[in-house]
Each structure stands twice: as C-alpha cells, then as structure tokens.
Amino acid sequence: YDVSINWNPDIKLSEHIFPIKFQFVDKVSGKA
C-alpha cells in the first residue's frame, strides 16, 4: 500500500484531542 498520514503539527495545546488521518491505497489495484 501507498500510505498517507496527515496531522496538524500546529494544533493548539488547549485542544483535548489530536486527530491523525490515514489513507491506504493498494499499489496493485490503485483503490483506496
């Protein structure tokens, strides 16, 4: 899989939750 990992490094420390988003794309089929 080709993998994309996204997050906000500038998130405010006053926030309670740190979200991290992932996407996996199959290298053979090209489908997520």
Full PDB file with SEQRES, HELIX, SHEET, SSBOND, CRYST1, ORIGX, SCALE, CONECT and MASTER records, all heavy atoms in Angstrom:
SEQRES   1 A   32  TYR ASP VAL SER ILE ASN TRP ASN PRO ASP ILE LYS LEU          
SEQRES   2 A   32  SER GLU HIS ILE PHE PRO ILE LYS PHE GLN PHE VAL ASP          
SEQRES   3 A   32  LYS VAL SER GLY LYS ALA                                      
SHEET    1 AA1 2 ASP A   2  ASN A   6  0                                        
SHEET    2 AA1 2 LYS A  21  VAL A  25 -1                                        
CRYST1    1.000    1.000    1.000  90.00  90.00  90.00 P 1           1          
ORIGX1      1.000000  0.000000  0.000000        0.00000                         
ORIGX2      0.000000  1.000000  0.000000        0.00000                         
ORIGX3      0.000000  0.000000  1.000000        0.00000                         
SCALE1      1.000000  0.000000  0.000000        0.00000                         
SCALE2      0.000000  1.000000  0.000000        0.00000                         
SCALE3      0.000000  0.000000  1.000000        0.00000                         
ATOM      1  N   TYR A   1       0.828  -1.198   0.000  1.00  0.00           N  
ATOM      2  CA  TYR A   1       0.000   0.000   0.000  1.00  0.00           C  
ATOM      3  C   TYR A   1       0.864   1.249   0.000  1.00  0.00           C  
ATOM      4  O   TYR A   1       1.917   1.287   0.635  1.00  0.00           O  
ATOM      5  CB  TYR A   1      -0.878   0.041   1.265  1.00  0.00           C  
ATOM      6  CG  TYR A   1      -1.881  -1.077   1.344  1.00  0.00           C  
ATOM      7  CD1 TYR A   1      -1.592  -2.234   2.060  1.00  0.00           C  
ATOM      8  CD2 TYR A   1      -3.103  -0.985   0.701  1.00  0.00           C  
ATOM      9  CE1 TYR A   1      -2.513  -3.260   2.141  1.00  0.00           C  
ATOM     10  CE2 TYR A   1      -4.028  -2.013   0.772  1.00  0.00           C  
ATOM     11  CZ  TYR A   1      -3.726  -3.151   1.487  1.00  0.00           C  
ATOM     12  OH  TYR A   1      -4.630  -4.172   1.558  1.00  0.00           O  
ATOM     13  N   ASP A   2       0.381   2.279  -0.702  1.00  0.00           N  
ATOM     14  CA  ASP A   2       0.902   3.628  -0.536  1.00  0.00           C  
ATOM     15  C   ASP A   2       0.097   4.235   0.604  1.00  0.00           C  
ATOM     16  O   ASP A   2      -1.138   4.186   0.605  1.00  0.00           O  
ATOM     17  CB  ASP A   2       0.716   4.457  -1.809  1.00  0.00           C  
ATOM     18  CG  ASP A   2       1.649   4.019  -2.917  1.00  0.00           C  
ATOM     19  OD1 ASP A   2       2.812   3.690  -2.614  1.00  0.00           O  
ATOM     20  OD2 ASP A   2       1.222   4.012  -4.082  1.00  0.00           O  
ATOM     21  N   VAL A   3       0.783   4.805   1.573  1.00  0.00           N  
ATOM     22  CA  VAL A   3       0.124   5.293   2.779  1.00  0.00           C  
ATOM     23  C   VAL A   3       0.338   6.801   2.915  1.00  0.00           C  
ATOM     24  O   VAL A   3       1.446   7.291   2.727  1.00  0.00           O  
ATOM     25  CB  VAL A   3       0.687   4.588   4.038  1.00  0.00           C  
ATOM     26  CG1 VAL A   3      -0.006   5.073   5.291  1.00  0.00           C  
ATOM     27  CG2 VAL A   3       0.592   3.080   3.895  1.00  0.00           C  
ATOM     28  N   SER A   4      -0.747   7.507   3.248  1.00  0.00           N  
ATOM     29  CA  SER A   4      -0.677   8.929   3.590  1.00  0.00           C  
ATOM     30  C   SER A   4      -1.131   9.073   5.035  1.00  0.00           C  
ATOM     31  O   SER A   4      -2.178   8.546   5.416  1.00  0.00           O  
ATOM     32  CB  SER A   4      -1.599   9.760   2.699  1.00  0.00           C  
ATOM     33  OG  SER A   4      -1.178   9.710   1.369  1.00  0.00           O  
ATOM     34  N   ILE A   5      -0.328   9.782   5.816  1.00  0.00           N  
ATOM     35  CA  ILE A   5      -0.650  10.057   7.212  1.00  0.00           C  
ATOM     36  C   ILE A   5      -0.691  11.583   7.348  1.00  0.00           C  
ATOM     37  O   ILE A   5       0.262  12.261   6.971  1.00  0.00           O  
ATOM     38  CB  ILE A   5       0.414   9.479   8.161  1.00  0.00           C  
ATOM     39  CG1 ILE A   5       0.635   7.998   7.875  1.00  0.00           C  
ATOM     40  CG2 ILE A   5       0.023   9.707   9.618  1.00  0.00           C  
ATOM     41  CD1 ILE A   5       1.873   7.422   8.539  1.00  0.00           C  
ATOM     42  N   ASN A   6      -1.799  12.101   7.859  1.00  0.00           N  
ATOM     43  CA  ASN A   6      -1.973  13.552   7.990  1.00  0.00           C  
ATOM     44  C   ASN A   6      -2.283  13.936   9.423  1.00  0.00           C  
ATOM     45  O   ASN A   6      -3.096  13.276  10.072  1.00  0.00           O  
ATOM     46  CB  ASN A   6      -3.133  14.031   7.101  1.00  0.00           C  
ATOM     47  CG  ASN A   6      -2.816  13.892   5.638  1.00  0.00           C  
ATOM     48  OD1 ASN A   6      -2.054  14.670   5.102  1.00  0.00           O  
ATOM     49  ND2 ASN A   6      -3.391  12.899   4.997  1.00  0.00           N  
ATOM     50  N   TRP A   7      -1.643  15.004   9.882  1.00  0.00           N  
ATOM     51  CA  TRP A   7      -1.926  15.559  11.201  1.00  0.00           C  
ATOM     52  C   TRP A   7      -1.535  17.028  11.201  1.00  0.00           C  
ATOM     53  O   TRP A   7      -0.838  17.490  10.307  1.00  0.00           O  
ATOM     54  CB  TRP A   7      -1.187  14.805  12.304  1.00  0.00           C  
ATOM     55  CG  TRP A   7       0.292  14.993  12.321  1.00  0.00           C  
ATOM     56  CD1 TRP A   7       0.992  15.902  13.060  1.00  0.00           C  
ATOM     57  CD2 TRP A   7       1.265  14.296  11.544  1.00  0.00           C  
ATOM     58  NE1 TRP A   7       2.339  15.784  12.808  1.00  0.00           N  
ATOM     59  CE2 TRP A   7       2.533  14.804  11.871  1.00  0.00           C  
ATOM     60  CE3 TRP A   7       1.199  13.270  10.592  1.00  0.00           C  
ATOM     61  CZ2 TRP A   7       3.709  14.349  11.296  1.00  0.00           C  
ATOM     62  CZ3 TRP A   7       2.362  12.809  10.018  1.00  0.00           C  
ATOM     63  CH2 TRP A   7       3.603  13.347  10.373  1.00  0.00           C  
ATOM     64  N   ASN A   8      -2.020  17.746  12.205  1.00  0.00           N  
ATOM     65  CA  ASN A   8      -1.740  19.168  12.316  1.00  0.00           C  
ATOM     66  C   ASN A   8      -0.647  19.387  13.369  1.00  0.00           C  
ATOM     67  O   ASN A   8      -0.929  19.308  14.563  1.00  0.00           O  
ATOM     68  CB  ASN A   8      -3.006  19.931  12.710  1.00  0.00           C  
ATOM     69  CG  ASN A   8      -2.768  21.414  12.844  1.00  0.00           C  
ATOM     70  OD1 ASN A   8      -1.671  21.910  12.635  1.00  0.00           O  
ATOM     71  ND2 ASN A   8      -3.811  22.139  13.216  1.00  0.00           N  
ATOM     72  N   PRO A   9       0.586  19.680  12.949  1.00  0.00           N  
ATOM     73  CA  PRO A   9       1.670  19.885  13.921  1.00  0.00           C  
ATOM     74  C   PRO A   9       1.514  21.196  14.693  1.00  0.00           C  
ATOM     75  O   PRO A   9       2.167  21.394  15.711  1.00  0.00           O  
ATOM     76  CB  PRO A   9       2.929  19.899  13.063  1.00  0.00           C  
ATOM     77  CG  PRO A   9       2.465  20.381  11.736  1.00  0.00           C  
ATOM     78  CD  PRO A   9       1.060  19.839  11.578  1.00  0.00           C  
ATOM     79  N   ASP A  10       0.621  22.071  14.226  1.00  0.00           N  
ATOM     80  CA  ASP A  10       0.413  23.359  14.878  1.00  0.00           C  
ATOM     81  C   ASP A  10      -0.840  23.366  15.753  1.00  0.00           C  
ATOM     82  O   ASP A  10      -1.344  24.433  16.107  1.00  0.00           O  
ATOM     83  CB  ASP A  10       0.306  24.470  13.829  1.00  0.00           C  
ATOM     84  CG  ASP A  10       1.571  24.588  12.996  1.00  0.00           C  
ATOM     85  OD1 ASP A  10       2.670  24.475  13.575  1.00  0.00           O  
ATOM     86  OD2 ASP A  10       1.460  24.776  11.773  1.00  0.00           O  
ATOM     87  N   ILE A  11      -1.320  22.182  16.113  1.00  0.00           N  
ATOM     88  CA  ILE A  11      -2.517  22.101  16.945  1.00  0.00           C  
ATOM     89  C   ILE A  11      -2.288  22.845  18.256  1.00  0.00           C  
ATOM     90  O   ILE A  11      -1.178  22.835  18.799  1.00  0.00           O  
ATOM     91  CB  ILE A  11      -2.919  20.629  17.190  1.00  0.00           C  
ATOM     92  CG1 ILE A  11      -4.329  20.552  17.765  1.00  0.00           C  
ATOM     93  CG2 ILE A  11      -1.915  19.923  18.059  1.00  0.00           C  
ATOM     94  CD1 ILE A  11      -4.930  19.157  17.725  1.00  0.00           C  
ATOM     95  N   LYS A  12      -3.325  23.492  18.721  1.00  0.00           N  
ATOM     96  CA  LYS A  12      -3.214  24.261  19.963  1.00  0.00           C  
ATOM     97  C   LYS A  12      -3.196  23.309  21.153  1.00  0.00           C  
ATOM     98  O   LYS A  12      -3.945  22.338  21.203  1.00  0.00           O  
ATOM     99  CB  LYS A  12      -4.370  25.235  20.080  1.00  0.00           C  
ATOM    100  CG  LYS A  12      -4.333  26.302  19.021  1.00  0.00           C  
ATOM    101  CD  LYS A  12      -5.512  27.223  19.132  1.00  0.00           C  
ATOM    102  CE  LYS A  12      -5.414  28.242  18.008  1.00  0.00           C  
ATOM    103  NZ  LYS A  12      -6.635  28.989  17.838  1.00  0.00           N  
ATOM    104  N   LEU A  13      -2.362  23.603  22.097  1.00  0.00           N  
ATOM    105  CA  LEU A  13      -2.270  22.762  23.288  1.00  0.00           C  
ATOM    106  C   LEU A  13      -3.487  22.896  24.193  1.00  0.00           C  
ATOM    107  O   LEU A  13      -3.648  22.133  25.140  1.00  0.00           O  
ATOM    108  CB  LEU A  13      -0.982  23.066  24.057  1.00  0.00           C  
ATOM    109  CG  LEU A  13       0.302  22.661  23.330  1.00  0.00           C  
ATOM    110  CD1 LEU A  13       1.523  23.013  24.163  1.00  0.00           C  
ATOM    111  CD2 LEU A  13       0.303  21.192  22.981  1.00  0.00           C  
ATOM    112  N   SER A  14      -4.376  23.821  23.858  1.00  0.00           N  
ATOM    113  CA  SER A  14      -5.639  23.942  24.599  1.00  0.00           C  
ATOM    114  C   SER A  14      -6.678  22.931  24.098  1.00  0.00           C  
ATOM    115  O   SER A  14      -7.716  22.748  24.730  1.00  0.00           O  
ATOM    116  CB  SER A  14      -6.195  25.363  24.488  1.00  0.00           C  
ATOM    117  OG  SER A  14      -6.434  25.696  23.132  1.00  0.00           O  
ATOM    118  N   GLU A  15      -6.397  22.264  22.985  1.00  0.00           N  
ATOM    119  CA  GLU A  15      -7.289  21.229  22.444  1.00  0.00           C  
ATOM    120  C   GLU A  15      -7.211  19.986  23.319  1.00  0.00           C  
ATOM    121  O   GLU A  15      -6.218  19.749  24.010  1.00  0.00           O  
ATOM    122  CB  GLU A  15      -6.895  20.875  21.007  1.00  0.00           C  
ATOM    123  CG  GLU A  15      -7.040  22.006  20.025  1.00  0.00           C  
ATOM    124  CD  GLU A  15      -8.478  22.337  19.705  1.00  0.00           C  
ATOM    125  OE1 GLU A  15      -9.342  21.447  19.793  1.00  0.00           O  
ATOM    126  OE2 GLU A  15      -8.735  23.509  19.371  1.00  0.00           O  
ATOM    127  N   HIS A  16      -8.224  19.158  23.236  1.00  0.00           N  
ATOM    128  CA  HIS A  16      -8.265  17.923  24.020  1.00  0.00           C  
ATOM    129  C   HIS A  16      -7.925  16.684  23.185  1.00  0.00           C  
ATOM    130  O   HIS A  16      -7.484  15.685  23.725  1.00  0.00           O  
ATOM    131  CB  HIS A  16      -9.653  17.730  24.646  1.00  0.00           C  
ATOM    132  CG  HIS A  16      -9.928  18.710  25.736  1.00  0.00           C  
ATOM    133  ND1 HIS A  16      -9.752  18.416  27.062  1.00  0.00           N  
ATOM    134  CD2 HIS A  16     -10.345  20.000  25.692  1.00  0.00           C  
ATOM    135  CE1 HIS A  16     -10.060  19.469  27.790  1.00  0.00           C  
ATOM    136  NE2 HIS A  16     -10.421  20.447  26.983  1.00  0.00           N  
ATOM    137  N   ILE A  17      -8.151  16.762  21.890  1.00  0.00           N  
ATOM    138  CA  ILE A  17      -7.995  15.600  21.011  1.00  0.00           C  
ATOM    139  C   ILE A  17      -7.023  15.938  19.883  1.00  0.00           C  
ATOM    140  O   ILE A  17      -7.071  17.020  19.301  1.00  0.00           O  
ATOM    141  CB  ILE A  17      -9.359  15.186  20.410  1.00  0.00           C  
ATOM    142  CG1 ILE A  17     -10.369  14.878  21.508  1.00  0.00           C  
ATOM    143  CG2 ILE A  17      -9.202  14.010  19.455  1.00  0.00           C  
ATOM    144  CD1 ILE A  17     -10.029  13.707  22.404  1.00  0.00           C  
ATOM    145  N   PHE A  18      -6.143  14.990  19.576  1.00  0.00           N  
ATOM    146  CA  PHE A  18      -5.170  15.113  18.482  1.00  0.00           C  
ATOM    147  C   PHE A  18      -5.566  14.122  17.390  1.00  0.00           C  
ATOM    148  O   PHE A  18      -5.330  12.921  17.515  1.00  0.00           O  
ATOM    149  CB  PHE A  18      -3.766  14.805  19.017  1.00  0.00           C  
ATOM    150  CG  PHE A  18      -2.678  14.904  17.985  1.00  0.00           C  
ATOM    151  CD1 PHE A  18      -2.341  16.113  17.418  1.00  0.00           C  
ATOM    152  CD2 PHE A  18      -1.983  13.771  17.598  1.00  0.00           C  
ATOM    153  CE1 PHE A  18      -1.324  16.200  16.485  1.00  0.00           C  
ATOM    154  CE2 PHE A  18      -0.960  13.847  16.664  1.00  0.00           C  
ATOM    155  CZ  PHE A  18      -0.630  15.074  16.102  1.00  0.00           C  
ATOM    156  N   PRO A  19      -6.232  14.589  16.306  1.00  0.00           N  
ATOM    157  CA  PRO A  19      -6.652  13.676  15.241  1.00  0.00           C  
ATOM    158  C   PRO A  19      -5.525  13.383  14.247  1.00  0.00           C  
ATOM    159  O   PRO A  19      -4.733  14.261  13.909  1.00  0.00           O  
ATOM    160  CB  PRO A  19      -7.802  14.418  14.559  1.00  0.00           C  
ATOM    161  CG  PRO A  19      -7.522  15.856  14.817  1.00  0.00           C  
ATOM    162  CD  PRO A  19      -6.743  15.938  16.103  1.00  0.00           C  
ATOM    163  N   ILE A  20      -5.478  12.131  13.811  1.00  0.00           N  
ATOM    164  CA  ILE A  20      -4.495  11.680  12.814  1.00  0.00           C  
ATOM    165  C   ILE A  20      -5.283  10.929  11.738  1.00  0.00           C  
ATOM    166  O   ILE A  20      -6.035  10.008  12.057  1.00  0.00           O  
ATOM    167  CB  ILE A  20      -3.446  10.746  13.451  1.00  0.00           C  
ATOM    168  CG1 ILE A  20      -2.782  11.436  14.644  1.00  0.00           C  
ATOM    169  CG2 ILE A  20      -2.417  10.313  12.414  1.00  0.00           C  
ATOM    170  CD1 ILE A  20      -2.022  10.485  15.555  1.00  0.00           C  
ATOM    171  N   LYS A  21      -5.124  11.317  10.478  1.00  0.00           N  
ATOM    172  CA  LYS A  21      -5.886  10.696   9.393  1.00  0.00           C  
ATOM    173  C   LYS A  21      -4.973   9.812   8.547  1.00  0.00           C  
ATOM    174  O   LYS A  21      -3.829  10.166   8.276  1.00  0.00           O  
ATOM    175  CB  LYS A  21      -6.541  11.755   8.522  1.00  0.00           C  
ATOM    176  CG  LYS A  21      -7.570  12.555   9.276  1.00  0.00           C  
ATOM    177  CD  LYS A  21      -8.288  13.517   8.389  1.00  0.00           C  
ATOM    178  CE  LYS A  21      -9.258  14.285   9.259  1.00  0.00           C  
ATOM    179  NZ  LYS A  21     -10.380  14.773   8.556  1.00  0.00           N  
ATOM    180  N   PHE A  22      -5.531   8.674   8.131  1.00  0.00           N  
ATOM    181  CA  PHE A  22      -4.794   7.701   7.329  1.00  0.00           C  
ATOM    182  C   PHE A  22      -5.520   7.417   6.022  1.00  0.00           C  
ATOM    183  O   PHE A  22      -6.744   7.398   5.988  1.00  0.00           O  
ATOM    184  CB  PHE A  22      -4.678   6.365   8.077  1.00  0.00           C  
ATOM    185  CG  PHE A  22      -3.792   6.413   9.277  1.00  0.00           C  
ATOM    186  CD1 PHE A  22      -4.301   6.721  10.526  1.00  0.00           C  
ATOM    187  CD2 PHE A  22      -2.436   6.158   9.163  1.00  0.00           C  
ATOM    188  CE1 PHE A  22      -3.491   6.772  11.638  1.00  0.00           C  
ATOM    189  CE2 PHE A  22      -1.620   6.204  10.267  1.00  0.00           C  
ATOM    190  CZ  PHE A  22      -2.144   6.510  11.501  1.00  0.00           C  
ATOM    191  N   GLN A  23      -4.738   7.155   4.980  1.00  0.00           N  
ATOM    192  CA  GLN A  23      -5.285   6.616   3.745  1.00  0.00           C  
ATOM    193  C   GLN A  23      -4.306   5.571   3.220  1.00  0.00           C  
ATOM    194  O   GLN A  23      -3.096   5.823   3.132  1.00  0.00           O  
ATOM    195  CB  GLN A  23      -5.502   7.693   2.690  1.00  0.00           C  
ATOM    196  CG  GLN A  23      -6.128   7.119   1.425  1.00  0.00           C  
ATOM    197  CD  GLN A  23      -6.370   8.163   0.366  1.00  0.00           C  
ATOM    198  OE1 GLN A  23      -5.583   9.085   0.202  1.00  0.00           O  
ATOM    199  NE2 GLN A  23      -7.451   8.007  -0.368  1.00  0.00           N  
ATOM    200  N   PHE A  24      -4.835   4.386   2.909  1.00  0.00           N  
ATOM    201  CA  PHE A  24      -4.056   3.299   2.334  1.00  0.00           C  
ATOM    202  C   PHE A  24      -4.577   3.049   0.928  1.00  0.00           C  
ATOM    203  O   PHE A  24      -5.774   2.814   0.749  1.00  0.00           O  
ATOM    204  CB  PHE A  24      -4.231   2.006   3.153  1.00  0.00           C  
ATOM    205  CG  PHE A  24      -3.395   1.957   4.400  1.00  0.00           C  
ATOM    206  CD1 PHE A  24      -3.629   2.817   5.454  1.00  0.00           C  
ATOM    207  CD2 PHE A  24      -2.369   1.035   4.525  1.00  0.00           C  
ATOM    208  CE1 PHE A  24      -2.867   2.768   6.606  1.00  0.00           C  
ATOM    209  CE2 PHE A  24      -1.599   0.972   5.666  1.00  0.00           C  
ATOM    210  CZ  PHE A  24      -1.855   1.842   6.712  1.00  0.00           C  
ATOM    211  N   VAL A  25      -3.691   3.088  -0.067  1.00  0.00           N  
ATOM    212  CA  VAL A  25      -4.069   2.833  -1.457  1.00  0.00           C  
ATOM    213  C   VAL A  25      -3.305   1.605  -1.932  1.00  0.00           C  
ATOM    214  O   VAL A  25      -2.070   1.567  -1.865  1.00  0.00           O  
ATOM    215  CB  VAL A  25      -3.772   4.050  -2.360  1.00  0.00           C  
ATOM    216  CG1 VAL A  25      -4.098   3.734  -3.811  1.00  0.00           C  
ATOM    217  CG2 VAL A  25      -4.543   5.274  -1.876  1.00  0.00           C  
ATOM    218  N   ASP A  26      -4.054   0.611  -2.393  1.00  0.00           N  
ATOM    219  CA  ASP A  26      -3.458  -0.636  -2.881  1.00  0.00           C  
ATOM    220  C   ASP A  26      -2.576  -0.332  -4.083  1.00  0.00           C  
ATOM    221  O   ASP A  26      -3.018   0.300  -5.041  1.00  0.00           O  
ATOM    222  CB  ASP A  26      -4.568  -1.616  -3.257  1.00  0.00           C  
ATOM    223  CG  ASP A  26      -4.036  -2.988  -3.587  1.00  0.00           C  
ATOM    224  OD1 ASP A  26      -3.308  -3.122  -4.600  1.00  0.00           O  
ATOM    225  OD2 ASP A  26      -4.359  -3.934  -2.838  1.00  0.00           O  
ATOM    226  N   LYS A  27      -1.327  -0.773  -4.033  1.00  0.00           N  
ATOM    227  CA  LYS A  27      -0.383  -0.485  -5.119  1.00  0.00           C  
ATOM    228  C   LYS A  27      -0.744  -1.222  -6.405  1.00  0.00           C  
ATOM    229  O   LYS A  27      -0.419  -0.747  -7.487  1.00  0.00           O  
ATOM    230  CB  LYS A  27       1.042  -0.843  -4.706  1.00  0.00           C  
ATOM    231  CG  LYS A  27       1.649   0.141  -3.766  1.00  0.00           C  
ATOM    232  CD  LYS A  27       3.114  -0.190  -3.535  1.00  0.00           C  
ATOM    233  CE  LYS A  27       3.802   1.055  -3.118  1.00  0.00           C  
ATOM    234  NZ  LYS A  27       5.005   1.346  -3.827  1.00  0.00           N  
ATOM    235  N   VAL A  28      -1.416  -2.358  -6.305  1.00  0.00           N  
ATOM    236  CA  VAL A  28      -1.764  -3.138  -7.497  1.00  0.00           C  
ATOM    237  C   VAL A  28      -3.012  -2.584  -8.161  1.00  0.00           C  
ATOM    238  O   VAL A  28      -3.023  -2.301  -9.356  1.00  0.00           O  
ATOM    239  CB  VAL A  28      -1.943  -4.634  -7.136  1.00  0.00           C  
ATOM    240  CG1 VAL A  28      -2.429  -5.422  -8.344  1.00  0.00           C  
ATOM    241  CG2 VAL A  28      -0.640  -5.214  -6.608  1.00  0.00           C  
ATOM    242  N   SER A  29      -4.080  -2.426  -7.389  1.00  0.00           N  
ATOM    243  CA  SER A  29      -5.361  -2.008  -7.965  1.00  0.00           C  
ATOM    244  C   SER A  29      -5.534  -0.493  -8.022  1.00  0.00           C  
ATOM    245  O   SER A  29      -6.360   0.005  -8.791  1.00  0.00           O  
ATOM    246  CB  SER A  29      -6.524  -2.595  -7.159  1.00  0.00           C  
ATOM    247  OG  SER A  29      -6.607  -1.967  -5.889  1.00  0.00           O  
ATOM    248  N   GLY A  30      -4.794   0.242  -7.199  1.00  0.00           N  
ATOM    249  CA  GLY A  30      -4.953   1.689  -7.142  1.00  0.00           C  
ATOM    250  C   GLY A  30      -6.169   2.132  -6.340  1.00  0.00           C  
ATOM    251  O   GLY A  30      -6.469   3.320  -6.269  1.00  0.00           O  
ATOM    252  N   LYS A  31      -6.854   1.185  -5.718  1.00  0.00           N  
ATOM    253  CA  LYS A  31      -8.051   1.510  -4.945  1.00  0.00           C  
ATOM    254  C   LYS A  31      -7.688   1.778  -3.486  1.00  0.00           C  
ATOM    255  O   LYS A  31      -6.845   1.097  -2.912  1.00  0.00           O  
ATOM    256  CB  LYS A  31      -9.053   0.358  -4.996  1.00  0.00           C  
ATOM    257  CG  LYS A  31      -9.654   0.151  -6.363  1.00  0.00           C  
ATOM    258  CD  LYS A  31     -10.690  -0.944  -6.323  1.00  0.00           C  
ATOM    259  CE  LYS A  31     -11.292  -1.154  -7.698  1.00  0.00           C  
ATOM    260  NZ  LYS A  31     -12.286  -2.225  -7.695  1.00  0.00           N  
ATOM    261  N   ALA A  32      -8.394   2.759  -2.923  1.00  0.00           N  
ATOM    262  CA  ALA A  32      -8.195   3.068  -1.510  1.00  0.00           C  
ATOM    263  C   ALA A  32      -8.830   1.973  -0.663  1.00  0.00           C  
ATOM    264  O   ALA A  32      -9.928   1.492  -0.962  1.00  0.00           O  
ATOM    265  CB  ALA A  32      -8.811   4.416  -1.171  1.00  0.00           C  
TER     266      ALA A  32                                                      
MASTER        0    0    0    0    2    0    0    6  265    1    0    3          
END                                                                             
